PDB file of N, CA and C in Angstrom:
ATOM      1  N   UNK A   1     138.837  69.702  50.641  1.00  0.00           N
ATOM      2  CA  UNK A   1     137.988  70.343  50.225  1.00  0.00           C
ATOM      3  C   UNK A   1     136.947  70.739  51.449  1.00  0.00           C
ATOM      4  N   UNK A   2     136.960  69.768  52.537  1.00  0.00           N
ATOM      5  CA  UNK A   2     135.977  70.257  53.786  1.00  0.00           C
ATOM      6  C   UNK A   2     137.155  70.316  55.069  1.00  0.00           C
ATOM      7  N   UNK A   3     138.440  70.745  54.815  1.00  0.00           N
ATOM      8  CA  UNK A   3     139.220  70.668  55.767  1.00  0.00           C
ATOM      9  C   UNK A   3     139.061  72.365  56.599  1.00  0.00           C
ATOM     10  N   UNK A   4     138.558  73.226  56.398  1.00  0.00           N
ATOM     11  CA  UNK A   4     138.110  74.392  56.841  1.00  0.00           C
ATOM     12  C   UNK A   4     136.929  74.350  57.343  1.00  0.00           C
ATOM     13  N   UNK A   5     135.857  73.427  57.003  1.00  0.00           N
ATOM     14  CA  UNK A   5     134.614  73.387  57.737  1.00  0.00           C
ATOM     15  C   UNK A   5     134.563  72.983  58.930  1.00  0.00           C
ATOM     16  N   UNK A   6     133.425  73.986  59.582  1.00  0.00           N
ATOM     17  CA  UNK A   6     133.384  73.376  61.147  1.00  0.00           C
ATOM     18  C   UNK A   6     132.647  72.331  61.006  1.00  0.00           C
ATOM     19  N   UNK A   7     132.931  71.163  61.264  1.00  0.00           N
ATOM     20  CA  UNK A   7     132.135  70.046  61.204  1.00  0.00           C
ATOM     21  C   UNK A   7     131.288  69.984  62.732  1.00  0.00           C
ATOM     22  N   UNK A   8     130.428  69.227  62.713  1.00  0.00           N
ATOM     23  CA  UNK A   8     129.918  68.775  64.261  1.00  0.00           C
ATOM     24  C   UNK A   8     129.022  67.144  63.715  1.00  0.00           C
ATOM     25  N   UNK A   9     128.954  66.734  64.882  1.00  0.00           N
ATOM     26  CA  UNK A   9     128.489  65.718  64.934  1.00  0.00           C
ATOM     27  C   UNK A   9     126.778  65.745  65.337  1.00  0.00           C
ATOM     28  N   UNK A  10     126.182  64.773  65.031  1.00  0.00           N
ATOM     29  CA  UNK A  10     124.440  64.798  65.525  1.00  0.00           C
ATOM     30  C   UNK A  10     123.960  63.435  65.881  1.00  0.00           C
ATOM     31  N   UNK A  11     123.347  63.109  66.578  1.00  0.00           N
ATOM     32  CA  UNK A  11     122.416  61.990  66.802  1.00  0.00           C
ATOM     33  C   UNK A  11     121.098  61.822  67.152  1.00  0.00           C
ATOM     34  N   UNK A  12     120.234  60.861  67.004  1.00  0.00           N
ATOM     35  CA  UNK A  12     118.831  60.739  66.975  1.00  0.00           C
ATOM     36  C   UNK A  12     118.080  60.158  68.334  1.00  0.00           C
ATOM     37  N   UNK A  13     116.868  61.100  68.633  1.00  0.00           N
ATOM     38  CA  UNK A  13     116.482  60.300  70.073  1.00  0.00           C
ATOM     39  C   UNK A  13     114.840  60.292  69.430  1.00  0.00           C
ATOM     40  N   UNK A  14     113.959  59.366  69.989  1.00  0.00           N
ATOM     41  CA  UNK A  14     112.485  59.879  69.337  1.00  0.00           C
ATOM     42  C   UNK A  14     111.796  60.942  70.380  1.00  0.00           C
ATOM     43  N   UNK A  15     112.078  61.414  71.505  1.00  0.00           N
ATOM     44  CA  UNK A  15     111.551  62.014  72.323  1.00  0.00           C
ATOM     45  C   UNK A  15     112.369  63.483  72.675  1.00  0.00           C
ATOM     46  N   UNK A  16     112.322  64.460  71.846  1.00  0.00           N
ATOM     47  CA  UNK A  16     113.192  65.839  72.208  1.00  0.00           C
ATOM     48  C   UNK A  16     113.113  66.273  73.395  1.00  0.00           C
ATOM     49  N   UNK A  17     111.848  66.441  74.021  1.00  0.00           N
ATOM     50  CA  UNK A  17     111.541  67.255  75.110  1.00  0.00           C
ATOM     51  C   UNK A  17     112.617  66.191  76.632  1.00  0.00           C
ATOM     52  N   UNK A  18     112.368  64.816  76.282  1.00  0.00           N
ATOM     53  CA  UNK A  18     113.319  63.925  77.298  1.00  0.00           C
ATOM     54  C   UNK A  18     114.852  64.432  77.437  1.00  0.00           C
ATOM     55  N   UNK A  19     115.008  64.481  76.174  1.00  0.00           N
ATOM     56  CA  UNK A  19     116.061  64.737  75.632  1.00  0.00           C
ATOM     57  C   UNK A  19     116.669  65.814  76.118  1.00  0.00           C
ATOM     58  N   UNK A  20     116.056  66.994  75.788  1.00  0.00           N
ATOM     59  CA  UNK A  20     116.224  68.229  76.748  1.00  0.00           C
ATOM     60  C   UNK A  20     116.508  68.138  77.966  1.00  0.00           C
ATOM     61  N   UNK A  21     115.285  67.474  78.609  1.00  0.00           N
ATOM     62  CA  UNK A  21     115.284  67.797  79.644  1.00  0.00           C
ATOM     63  C   UNK A  21     116.782  67.026  80.609  1.00  0.00           C
ATOM     64  N   UNK A  22     117.204  65.908  80.021  1.00  0.00           N
ATOM     65  CA  UNK A  22     118.019  64.954  80.451  1.00  0.00           C
ATOM     66  C   UNK A  22     119.575  65.581  80.697  1.00  0.00           C
ATOM     67  N   UNK A  23     119.702  66.465  79.081  1.00  0.00           N
ATOM     68  CA  UNK A  23     120.938  66.890  78.746  1.00  0.00           C
ATOM     69  C   UNK A  23     121.346  68.144  79.511  1.00  0.00           C
ATOM     70  N   UNK A  24     119.971  69.253  79.736  1.00  0.00           N
ATOM     71  CA  UNK A  24     119.824  70.346  80.635  1.00  0.00           C
ATOM     72  C   UNK A  24     120.057  70.181  81.825  1.00  0.00           C
ATOM     73  N   UNK A  25     119.291  69.339  82.254  1.00  0.00           N
ATOM     74  CA  UNK A  25     119.106  69.452  83.801  1.00  0.00           C
ATOM     75  C   UNK A  25     119.858  68.103  84.552  1.00  0.00           C
ATOM     76  N   UNK A  26     119.526  66.979  84.452  1.00  0.00           N
ATOM     77  CA  UNK A  26     120.465  66.354  84.652  1.00  0.00           C
ATOM     78  C   UNK A  26     121.844  66.179  84.469  1.00  0.00           C
ATOM     79  N   UNK A  27     122.472  66.586  83.071  1.00  0.00           N
ATOM     80  CA  UNK A  27     124.205  66.553  82.947  1.00  0.00           C
ATOM     81  C   UNK A  27     124.570  67.887  82.909  1.00  0.00           C
ATOM     82  N   UNK A  28     123.516  69.037  83.264  1.00  0.00           N
ATOM     83  CA  UNK A  28     124.004  70.585  83.362  1.00  0.00           C
ATOM     84  C   UNK A  28     124.584  71.007  82.135  1.00  0.00           C
ATOM     85  N   UNK A  29     124.306  70.201  81.015  1.00  0.00           N
ATOM     86  CA  UNK A  29     124.718  71.424  79.528  1.00  0.00           C
ATOM     87  C   UNK A  29     123.746  72.503  78.898  1.00  0.00           C
ATOM     88  N   UNK A  30     124.236  73.053  78.519  1.00  0.00           N
ATOM     89  CA  UNK A  30     123.547  74.307  77.864  1.00  0.00           C
ATOM     90  C   UNK A  30     122.986  73.754  76.488  1.00  0.00           C
ATOM     91  N   UNK A  31     121.716  73.834  76.785  1.00  0.00           N
ATOM     92  CA  UNK A  31     121.058  73.469  75.422  1.00  0.00           C
ATOM     93  C   UNK A  31     120.124  74.354  74.851  1.00  0.00           C
ATOM     94  N   UNK A  32     119.929  74.509  73.379  1.00  0.00           N
ATOM     95  CA  UNK A  32     119.015  75.471  72.914  1.00  0.00           C
ATOM     96  C   UNK A  32     118.253  74.753  71.421  1.00  0.00           C
ATOM     97  N   UNK A  33     117.333  75.450  70.985  1.00  0.00           N
ATOM     98  CA  UNK A  33     116.510  74.824  70.145  1.00  0.00           C
ATOM     99  C   UNK A  33     117.167  75.352  68.573  1.00  0.00           C
ATOM    100  N   UNK A  34     117.407  74.849  67.667  1.00  0.00           N
ATOM    101  CA  UNK A  34     118.127  75.029  66.406  1.00  0.00           C
ATOM    102  C   UNK A  34     117.187  76.161  65.874  1.00  0.00           C
ATOM    103  N   UNK A  35     117.246  77.187  65.485  1.00  0.00           N
ATOM    104  CA  UNK A  35     116.377  78.026  64.688  1.00  0.00           C
ATOM    105  C   UNK A  35     114.856  77.911  64.851  1.00  0.00           C
ATOM    106  N   UNK A  36     114.608  77.870  66.360  1.00  0.00           N
ATOM    107  CA  UNK A  36     113.161  78.111  66.529  1.00  0.00           C
ATOM    108  C   UNK A  36     112.402  76.483  66.298  1.00  0.00           C
ATOM    109  N   UNK A  37     113.002  75.903  65.647  1.00  0.00           N
ATOM    110  CA  UNK A  37     112.321  74.217  65.296  1.00  0.00           C
ATOM    111  C   UNK A  37     112.639  73.154  66.193  1.00  0.00           C
ATOM    112  N   UNK A  38     111.221  72.819  66.461  1.00  0.00           N
ATOM    113  CA  UNK A  38     111.122  71.939  67.474  1.00  0.00           C
ATOM    114  C   UNK A  38     111.333  70.644  67.363  1.00  0.00           C
ATOM    115  N   UNK A  39     112.096  70.219  66.229  1.00  0.00           N
ATOM    116  CA  UNK A  39     112.585  69.144  65.736  1.00  0.00           C
ATOM    117  C   UNK A  39     114.173  68.896  65.905  1.00  0.00           C
ATOM    118  N   UNK A  40     114.781  69.852  66.563  1.00  0.00           N
ATOM    119  CA  UNK A  40     116.078  69.960  66.762  1.00  0.00           C
ATOM    120  C   UNK A  40     116.788  70.552  67.999  1.00  0.00           C
ATOM    121  N   UNK A  41     117.490  70.310  68.791  1.00  0.00           N
ATOM    122  CA  UNK A  41     118.395  70.660  69.584  1.00  0.00           C
ATOM    123  C   UNK A  41     119.833  71.108  69.387  1.00  0.00           C
ATOM    124  N   UNK A  42     120.269  71.806  69.958  1.00  0.00           N
ATOM    125  CA  UNK A  42     122.263  72.187  70.082  1.00  0.00           C
ATOM    126  C   UNK A  42     122.424  71.757  71.891  1.00  0.00           C
ATOM    127  N   UNK A  43     123.709  70.585  71.395  1.00  0.00           N
ATOM    128  CA  UNK A  43     123.694  70.441  72.726  1.00  0.00           C
ATOM    129  C   UNK A  43     125.529  71.445  72.662  1.00  0.00           C
ATOM    130  N   UNK A  44     125.430  72.499  73.659  1.00  0.00           N
ATOM    131  CA  UNK A  44     126.685  73.190  73.413  1.00  0.00           C
ATOM    132  C   UNK A  44     127.718  72.832  74.866  1.00  0.00           C
ATOM    133  N   UNK A  45     128.743  72.073  74.161  1.00  0.00           N
ATOM    134  CA  UNK A  45     129.926  71.525  74.726  1.00  0.00           C
ATOM    135  C   UNK A  45     131.180  72.384  74.784  1.00  0.00           C
ATOM    136  N   UNK A  46     131.926  71.766  76.020  1.00  0.00           N
ATOM    137  CA  UNK A  46     132.957  72.793  76.301  1.00  0.00           C
ATOM    138  C   UNK A  46     133.824  72.584  74.905  1.00  0.00           C
ATOM    139  N   UNK A  47     134.727  73.902  74.897  1.00  0.00           N
ATOM    140  CA  UNK A  47     135.544  74.034  73.933  1.00  0.00           C
ATOM    141  C   UNK A  47     134.807  74.283  72.877  1.00  0.00           C
ATOM    142  N   UNK A  48     133.632  75.045  73.039  1.00  0.00           N
ATOM    143  CA  UNK A  48     133.218  75.543  71.682  1.00  0.00           C
ATOM    144  C   UNK A  48     132.551  74.834  70.950  1.00  0.00           C
ATOM    145  N   UNK A  49     132.565  73.366  71.317  1.00  0.00           N
ATOM    146  CA  UNK A  49     131.847  72.377  70.180  1.00  0.00           C
ATOM    147  C   UNK A  49     130.102  72.276  70.361  1.00  0.00           C
ATOM    148  N   UNK A  50     129.401  71.807  69.478  1.00  0.00           N
ATOM    149  CA  UNK A  50     128.134  71.663  69.356  1.00  0.00           C
ATOM    150  C   UNK A  50     127.965  70.348  68.835  1.00  0.00           C
ATOM    151  N   UNK A  51     126.578  69.917  69.586  1.00  0.00           N
ATOM    152  CA  UNK A  51     126.244  68.585  68.938  1.00  0.00           C
ATOM    153  C   UNK A  51     124.805  68.515  68.606  1.00  0.00           C
ATOM    154  N   UNK A  52     124.333  68.356  67.482  1.00  0.00           N
ATOM    155  CA  UNK A  52     122.794  68.388  66.857  1.00  0.00           C
ATOM    156  C   UNK A  52     122.364  67.062  67.879  1.00  0.00           C
ATOM    157  N   UNK A  53     120.908  67.433  68.062  1.00  0.00           N
ATOM    158  CA  UNK A  53     120.173  66.235  68.444  1.00  0.00           C
ATOM    159  C   UNK A  53     118.843  66.311  67.902  1.00  0.00           C
ATOM    160  N   UNK A  54     118.633  65.411  67.137  1.00  0.00           N
ATOM    161  CA  UNK A  54     117.325  65.392  66.317  1.00  0.00           C
ATOM    162  C   UNK A  54     116.034  64.182  66.333  1.00  0.00           C
ATOM    163  N   UNK A  55     114.954  64.641  66.132  1.00  0.00           N
ATOM    164  CA  UNK A  55     113.975  63.517  66.615  1.00  0.00           C
ATOM    165  C   UNK A  55     113.965  62.675  65.303  1.00  0.00           C
ATOM    166  N   UNK A  56     113.959  61.275  65.799  1.00  0.00           N
ATOM    167  CA  UNK A  56     113.771  60.269  64.760  1.00  0.00           C
ATOM    168  C   UNK A  56     112.658  58.885  65.612  1.00  0.00           C
ATOM    169  N   UNK A  57     111.334  59.299  65.181  1.00  0.00           N
ATOM    170  CA  UNK A  57     110.255  58.547  65.831  1.00  0.00           C
ATOM    171  C   UNK A  57     110.923  57.045  65.840  1.00  0.00           C
ATOM    172  N   UNK A  58     111.354  56.494  64.487  1.00  0.00           N
ATOM    173  CA  UNK A  58     111.929  54.839  64.645  1.00  0.00           C
ATOM    174  C   UNK A  58     113.073  54.986  65.059  1.00  0.00           C
ATOM    175  N   UNK A  59     113.631  55.606  66.063  1.00  0.00           N
ATOM    176  CA  UNK A  59     115.120  55.581  66.845  1.00  0.00           C
ATOM    177  C   UNK A  59     115.455  54.117  67.218  1.00  0.00           C
ATOM    178  N   UNK A  60     116.519  54.105  66.597  1.00  0.00           N
ATOM    179  CA  UNK A  60     117.239  52.647  67.659  1.00  0.00           C
ATOM    180  C   UNK A  60     118.421  53.053  68.312  1.00  0.00           C
ATOM    181  N   UNK A  61     118.861  53.014  69.434  1.00  0.00           N
ATOM    182  CA  UNK A  61     119.792  53.266  70.309  1.00  0.00           C
ATOM    183  C   UNK A  61     121.275  53.164  69.761  1.00  0.00           C
ATOM    184  N   UNK A  62     122.174  53.720  70.072  1.00  0.00           N
ATOM    185  CA  UNK A  62     123.461  53.212  69.330  1.00  0.00           C
ATOM    186  C   UNK A  62     124.011  52.249  70.009  1.00  0.00           C
ATOM    187  N   UNK A  63     124.815  51.025  69.595  1.00  0.00           N
ATOM    188  CA  UNK A  63     125.302  50.011  70.139  1.00  0.00           C
ATOM    189  C   UNK A  63     126.625  50.291  70.807  1.00  0.00           C
ATOM    190  N   UNK A  64     127.043  51.904  70.326  1.00  0.00           N
ATOM    191  CA  UNK A  64     128.598  52.085  70.703  1.00  0.00           C
ATOM    192  C   UNK A  64     128.536  53.785  71.479  1.00  0.00           C
ATOM    193  N   UNK A  65     129.531  54.113  71.936  1.00  0.00           N
ATOM    194  CA  UNK A  65     129.545  55.411  72.606  1.00  0.00           C
ATOM    195  C   UNK A  65     129.343  56.451  71.842  1.00  0.00           C
ATOM    196  N   UNK A  66     128.191  57.134  71.639  1.00  0.00           N
ATOM    197  CA  UNK A  66     127.909  58.338  70.977  1.00  0.00           C
ATOM    198  C   UNK A  66     128.767  59.824  71.393  1.00  0.00           C
ATOM    199  N   UNK A  67     129.225  59.756  72.919  1.00  0.00           N
ATOM    200  CA  UNK A  67     129.241  60.923  73.281  1.00  0.00           C
ATOM    201  C   UNK A  67     130.107  60.677  74.528  1.00  0.00           C
ATOM    202  N   UNK A  68     131.476  61.199  74.661  1.00  0.00           N
ATOM    203  CA  UNK A  68     132.132  60.859  75.512  1.00  0.00           C
ATOM    204  C   UNK A  68     132.513  62.379  76.015  1.00  0.00           C
ATOM    205  N   UNK A  69     132.907  62.202  77.444  1.00  0.00           N
ATOM    206  CA  UNK A  69     133.054  63.444  78.340  1.00  0.00           C
ATOM    207  C   UNK A  69     133.939  63.362  79.294  1.00  0.00           C
ATOM    208  N   UNK A  70     135.312  64.047  78.589  1.00  0.00           N
ATOM    209  CA  UNK A  70     136.423  63.960  79.567  1.00  0.00           C
ATOM    210  C   UNK A  70     135.972  64.801  80.923  1.00  0.00           C
ATOM    211  N   UNK A  71     136.647  64.148  82.220  1.00  0.00           N
ATOM    212  CA  UNK A  71     136.518  64.908  83.648  1.00  0.00           C
ATOM    213  C   UNK A  71     137.761  64.919  84.273  1.00  0.00           C
ATOM    214  N   UNK A  72     137.957  65.369  85.120  1.00  0.00           N
ATOM    215  CA  UNK A  72     139.174  65.537  85.866  1.00  0.00           C
ATOM    216  C   UNK A  72     138.942  64.257  86.977  1.00  0.00           C
ATOM    217  N   UNK A  73     137.935  63.986  87.444  1.00  0.00           N
ATOM    218  CA  UNK A  73     137.808  63.063  88.209  1.00  0.00           C
ATOM    219  C   UNK A  73     136.329  62.172  88.086  1.00  0.00           C
ATOM    220  N   UNK A  74     136.650  60.755  87.632  1.00  0.00           N
ATOM    221  CA  UNK A  74     135.683  59.919  87.044  1.00  0.00           C
ATOM    222  C   UNK A  74     134.693  59.669  88.343  1.00  0.00           C
ATOM    223  N   UNK A  75     135.212  59.505  89.774  1.00  0.00           N
ATOM    224  CA  UNK A  75     134.710  58.832  90.577  1.00  0.00           C
ATOM    225  C   UNK A  75     133.889  59.650  91.386  1.00  0.00           C
ATOM    226  N   UNK A  76     133.896  61.053  91.152  1.00  0.00           N
ATOM    227  CA  UNK A  76     133.167  62.088  91.879  1.00  0.00           C
ATOM    228  C   UNK A  76     132.096  62.477  91.063  1.00  0.00           C
ATOM    229  N   UNK A  77     132.808  62.409  89.491  1.00  0.00           N
ATOM    230  CA  UNK A  77     131.423  62.677  88.543  1.00  0.00           C
ATOM    231  C   UNK A  77     130.321  61.446  88.638  1.00  0.00           C
ATOM    232  N   UNK A  78     131.032  60.583  88.983  1.00  0.00           N
ATOM    233  CA  UNK A  78     129.694  59.113  88.675  1.00  0.00           C
ATOM    234  C   UNK A  78     128.840  59.109  90.121  1.00  0.00           C
ATOM    235  N   UNK A  79     129.643  59.693  91.069  1.00  0.00           N
ATOM    236  CA  UNK A  79     129.046  60.290  92.206  1.00  0.00           C
ATOM    237  C   UNK A  79     127.675  61.336  92.401  1.00  0.00           C
ATOM    238  N   UNK A  80     127.997  62.066  91.522  1.00  0.00           N
ATOM    239  CA  UNK A  80     127.220  63.385  91.280  1.00  0.00           C
ATOM    240  C   UNK A  80     126.051  62.922  90.518  1.00  0.00           C
ATOM    241  N   UNK A  81     126.403  62.297  89.520  1.00  0.00           N
ATOM    242  CA  UNK A  81     125.202  61.945  88.216  1.00  0.00           C
ATOM    243  C   UNK A  81     124.511  60.610  89.025  1.00  0.00           C
ATOM    244  N   UNK A  82     124.809  60.003  89.907  1.00  0.00           N
ATOM    245  CA  UNK A  82     123.936  58.618  90.619  1.00  0.00           C
ATOM    246  C   UNK A  82     122.754  59.728  91.257  1.00  0.00           C
ATOM    247  N   UNK A  83     123.450  60.648  91.778  1.00  0.00           N
ATOM    248  CA  UNK A  83     122.831  61.654  92.787  1.00  0.00           C
ATOM    249  C   UNK A  83     121.654  62.358  92.000  1.00  0.00           C
ATOM    250  N   UNK A  84     121.964  62.345  90.929  1.00  0.00           N
ATOM    251  CA  UNK A  84     120.738  62.815  89.925  1.00  0.00           C
ATOM    252  C   UNK A  84     119.924  61.892  89.013  1.00  0.00           C
ATOM    253  N   UNK A  85     119.987  61.088  89.273  1.00  0.00           N
ATOM    254  CA  UNK A  85     119.491  59.758  89.146  1.00  0.00           C
ATOM    255  C   UNK A  85     119.979  58.731  87.971  1.00  0.00           C
ATOM    256  N   UNK A  86     121.071  59.043  87.321  1.00  0.00           N
ATOM    257  CA  UNK A  86     121.621  58.204  86.262  1.00  0.00           C
ATOM    258  C   UNK A  86     122.292  56.981  86.878  1.00  0.00           C
ATOM    259  N   UNK A  87     122.181  55.939  86.295  1.00  0.00           N
ATOM    260  CA  UNK A  87     122.289  54.536  86.447  1.00  0.00           C
ATOM    261  C   UNK A  87     123.787  54.123  85.498  1.00  0.00           C
ATOM    262  N   UNK A  88     124.632  53.483  85.647  1.00  0.00           N
ATOM    263  CA  UNK A  88     125.737  53.150  85.039  1.00  0.00           C
ATOM    264  C   UNK A  88     125.631  51.524  84.308  1.00  0.00           C
ATOM    265  N   UNK A  89     126.203  51.723  83.338  1.00  0.00           N
ATOM    266  CA  UNK A  89     126.008  50.441  83.024  1.00  0.00           C
ATOM    267  C   UNK A  89     126.992  49.235  83.251  1.00  0.00           C
ATOM    268  N   UNK A  90     126.715  48.098  83.223  1.00  0.00           N
ATOM    269  CA  UNK A  90     127.460  47.087  83.539  1.00  0.00           C
ATOM    270  C   UNK A  90     127.936  46.104  81.712  1.00  0.00           C
ATOM    271  N   UNK A  91     129.158  46.282  81.848  1.00  0.00           N
ATOM    272  CA  UNK A  91     129.426  45.173  80.630  1.00  0.00           C
ATOM    273  C   UNK A  91     129.979  44.262  80.910  1.00  0.00           C
ATOM    274  N   UNK A  92     129.981  42.691  80.450  1.00  0.00           N
ATOM    275  CA  UNK A  92     130.425  41.443  80.934  1.00  0.00           C
ATOM    276  C   UNK A  92     131.965  41.686  79.889  1.00  0.00           C
ATOM    277  N   UNK A  93     132.884  41.055  80.590  1.00  0.00           N
ATOM    278  CA  UNK A  93     134.409  41.156  79.716  1.00  0.00           C
ATOM    279  C   UNK A  93     135.154  42.113  80.548  1.00  0.00           C
ATOM    280  N   UNK A  94     134.566  43.537  80.852  1.00  0.00           N
ATOM    281  CA  UNK A  94     134.781  44.636  81.647  1.00  0.00           C
ATOM    282  C   UNK A  94     135.046  44.495  82.641  1.00  0.00           C
ATOM    283  N   UNK A  95     136.047  44.754  83.498  1.00  0.00           N
ATOM    284  CA  UNK A  95     136.273  44.819  84.941  1.00  0.00           C
ATOM    285  C   UNK A  95     135.610  46.161  85.427  1.00  0.00           C
ATOM    286  N   UNK A  96     134.740  46.443  86.063  1.00  0.00           N
ATOM    287  CA  UNK A  96     133.922  47.460  86.661  1.00  0.00           C
ATOM    288  C   UNK A  96     133.821  47.101  87.980  1.00  0.00           C
ATOM    289  N   UNK A  97     133.738  48.302  88.824  1.00  0.00           N
ATOM    290  CA  UNK A  97     133.934  48.293  90.286  1.00  0.00           C
ATOM    291  C   UNK A  97     132.476  48.498  90.526  1.00  0.00           C
ATOM    292  N   UNK A  98     131.785  48.721  91.776  1.00  0.00           N
ATOM    293  CA  UNK A  98     130.424  48.456  92.418  1.00  0.00           C
ATOM    294  C   UNK A  98     129.612  50.029  91.218  1.00  0.00           C
ATOM    295  N   UNK A  99     130.559  50.762  91.358  1.00  0.00           N
ATOM    296  CA  UNK A  99     129.630  51.743  90.987  1.00  0.00           C
ATOM    297  C   UNK A  99     129.670  51.761  89.145  1.00  0.00           C
ATOM    298  N   UNK A 100     130.426  50.884  88.519  1.00  0.00           N
ATOM    299  CA  UNK A 100     130.486  50.618  87.285  1.00  0.00           C
ATOM    300  C   UNK A 100     131.545  51.230  86.641  1.00  0.00           C
ATOM    301  N   UNK A 101     132.689  51.568  87.068  1.00  0.00           N
ATOM    302  CA  UNK A 101     133.827  52.605  86.694  1.00  0.00           C
ATOM    303  C   UNK A 101     134.831  51.275  85.893  1.00  0.00           C
ATOM    304  N   UNK A 102     135.167  51.383  84.998  1.00  0.00           N
ATOM    305  CA  UNK A 102     136.163  50.554  84.502  1.00  0.00           C
ATOM    306  C   UNK A 102     137.680  51.213  84.938  1.00  0.00           C
ATOM    307  N   UNK A 103     138.139  50.111  85.834  1.00  0.00           N
ATOM    308  CA  UNK A 103     139.364  50.146  86.402  1.00  0.00           C
ATOM    309  C   UNK A 103     140.444  49.436  85.890  1.00  0.00           C
ATOM    310  N   UNK A 104     140.177  48.713  84.652  1.00  0.00           N
ATOM    311  CA  UNK A 104     141.213  47.862  83.846  1.00  0.00           C
ATOM    312  C   UNK A 104     141.934  48.756  83.157  1.00  0.00           C
ATOM    313  N   UNK A 105     142.347  48.070  82.049  1.00  0.00           N
ATOM    314  CA  UNK A 105     143.499  48.580  81.397  1.00  0.00           C
ATOM    315  C   UNK A 105     142.953  50.134  80.612  1.00  0.00           C
ATOM    316  N   UNK A 106     143.725  50.962  80.968  1.00  0.00           N
ATOM    317  CA  UNK A 106     143.468  52.509  80.162  1.00  0.00           C
ATOM    318  C   UNK A 106     142.937  53.705  81.121  1.00  0.00           C
ATOM    319  N   UNK A 107     142.231  54.523  80.675  1.00  0.00           N
ATOM    320  CA  UNK A 107     142.127  55.452  81.760  1.00  0.00           C
ATOM    321  C   UNK A 107     140.814  55.112  82.648  1.00  0.00           C
ATOM    322  N   UNK A 108     140.510  55.331  83.578  1.00  0.00           N
ATOM    323  CA  UNK A 108     139.207  55.011  84.155  1.00  0.00           C
ATOM    324  C   UNK A 108     137.981  55.905  83.201  1.00  0.00           C
ATOM    325  N   UNK A 109     136.938  55.115  82.982  1.00  0.00           N
ATOM    326  CA  UNK A 109     135.868  55.136  82.245  1.00  0.00           C
ATOM    327  C   UNK A 109     134.580  54.786  83.189  1.00  0.00           C
ATOM    328  N   UNK A 110     133.130  55.261  82.489  1.00  0.00           N
ATOM    329  CA  UNK A 110     131.852  54.673  82.812  1.00  0.00           C
ATOM    330  C   UNK A 110     131.228  54.990  82.133  1.00  0.00           C
ATOM    331  N   UNK A 111     130.347  54.243  81.625  1.00  0.00           N
ATOM    332  CA  UNK A 111     129.156  54.410  80.603  1.00  0.00           C
ATOM    333  C   UNK A 111     127.735  54.466  81.315  1.00  0.00           C
ATOM    334  N   UNK A 112     126.779  55.155  80.726  1.00  0.00           N
ATOM    335  CA  UNK A 112     125.553  55.598  81.145  1.00  0.00           C
ATOM    336  C   UNK A 112     124.652  55.527  79.649  1.00  0.00           C
ATOM    337  N   UNK A 113     123.341  55.813  79.964  1.00  0.00           N
ATOM    338  CA  UNK A 113     122.797  55.995  78.915  1.00  0.00           C
ATOM    339  C   UNK A 113     122.048  57.239  79.104  1.00  0.00           C
ATOM    340  N   UNK A 114     121.392  57.603  77.889  1.00  0.00           N
ATOM    341  CA  UNK A 114     120.482  58.678  77.783  1.00  0.00           C
ATOM    342  C   UNK A 114     119.571  58.451  77.977  1.00  0.00           C
ATOM    343  N   UNK A 115     118.186  59.180  78.094  1.00  0.00           N
ATOM    344  CA  UNK A 115     116.625  58.661  77.835  1.00  0.00           C
ATOM    345  C   UNK A 115     116.296  57.821  76.559  1.00  0.00           C
ATOM    346  N   UNK A 116     117.080  58.042  75.435  1.00  0.00           N
ATOM    347  CA  UNK A 116     116.607  57.186  74.377  1.00  0.00           C
ATOM    348  C   UNK A 116     117.609  56.210  74.184  1.00  0.00           C
ATOM    349  N   UNK A 117     118.372  55.672  75.360  1.00  0.00           N
ATOM    350  CA  UNK A 117     119.338  54.431  75.328  1.00  0.00           C
ATOM    351  C   UNK A 117     120.636  54.321  74.831  1.00  0.00           C
ATOM    352  N   UNK A 118     120.558  55.877  73.948  1.00  0.00           N
ATOM    353  CA  UNK A 118     122.191  56.083  73.708  1.00  0.00           C
ATOM    354  C   UNK A 118     123.462  55.669  74.734  1.00  0.00           C
ATOM    355  N   UNK A 119     124.566  55.381  74.184  1.00  0.00           N
ATOM    356  CA  UNK A 119     125.590  55.238  75.531  1.00  0.00           C
ATOM    357  C   UNK A 119     126.156  56.746  75.257  1.00  0.00           C
ATOM    358  N   UNK A 120     126.560  56.659  76.524  1.00  0.00           N
ATOM    359  CA  UNK A 120     127.465  58.011  76.842  1.00  0.00           C
ATOM    360  C   UNK A 120     128.262  57.487  77.799  1.00  0.00           C
ATOM    361  N   UNK A 121     129.860  58.377  77.853  1.00  0.00           N
ATOM    362  CA  UNK A 121     130.687  58.049  78.590  1.00  0.00           C
ATOM    363  C   UNK A 121     131.462  59.150  79.365  1.00  0.00           C
ATOM    364  N   UNK A 122     131.924  58.708  80.683  1.00  0.00           N
ATOM    365  CA  UNK A 122     132.847  60.099  81.080  1.00  0.00           C
ATOM    366  C   UNK A 122     134.069  59.011  81.322  1.00  0.00           C
ATOM    367  N   UNK A 123     135.044  60.074  81.220  1.00  0.00           N
ATOM    368  CA  UNK A 123     136.555  59.322  80.711  1.00  0.00           C
ATOM    369  C   UNK A 123     137.273  60.557  81.692  1.00  0.00           C
ATOM    370  N   UNK A 124     138.464  59.575  82.651  1.00  0.00           N
ATOM    371  CA  UNK A 124     139.227  60.889  83.242  1.00  0.00           C
ATOM    372  C   UNK A 124     140.263  60.985  82.128  1.00  0.00           C
ATOM    373  N   UNK A 125     140.589  62.444  82.605  1.00  0.00           N
ATOM    374  CA  UNK A 125     141.577  63.178  81.581  1.00  0.00           C
ATOM    375  C   UNK A 125     142.079  64.151  82.559  1.00  0.00           C
ATOM    376  N   UNK A 126     143.161  64.538  82.780  1.00  0.00           N
ATOM    377  CA  UNK A 126     144.159  65.383  83.036  1.00  0.00           C
ATOM    378  C   UNK A 126     144.205  66.439  82.692  1.00  0.00           C
TER     379      UNK A 126
END
């Protein structure tokens, strides 16, 4: 029934202006308002994928990764994001280096949060 639907995902933030600044200026994504409505943003991701960001005043940050960014060079991307003020998360029980990069089992990955506290990651992919 929905196999041909061009589905998209979305997530909430309490402050859309802060989200716009972070996703556009800090991460460098193309961001637009949805139909000129001030309560919605669209993040335009690589591959023609879009993600809806909407205002939710009683927002509680997700406790899981809501968005993963595949990159060719995790270490270089971490360095660039640190220069833009991004802080990387540390998790108990996960082998991470001084920059917060998980160098344990699986691909290199590092987690960080948006201004709303939602968890994002960069993950190394060839």
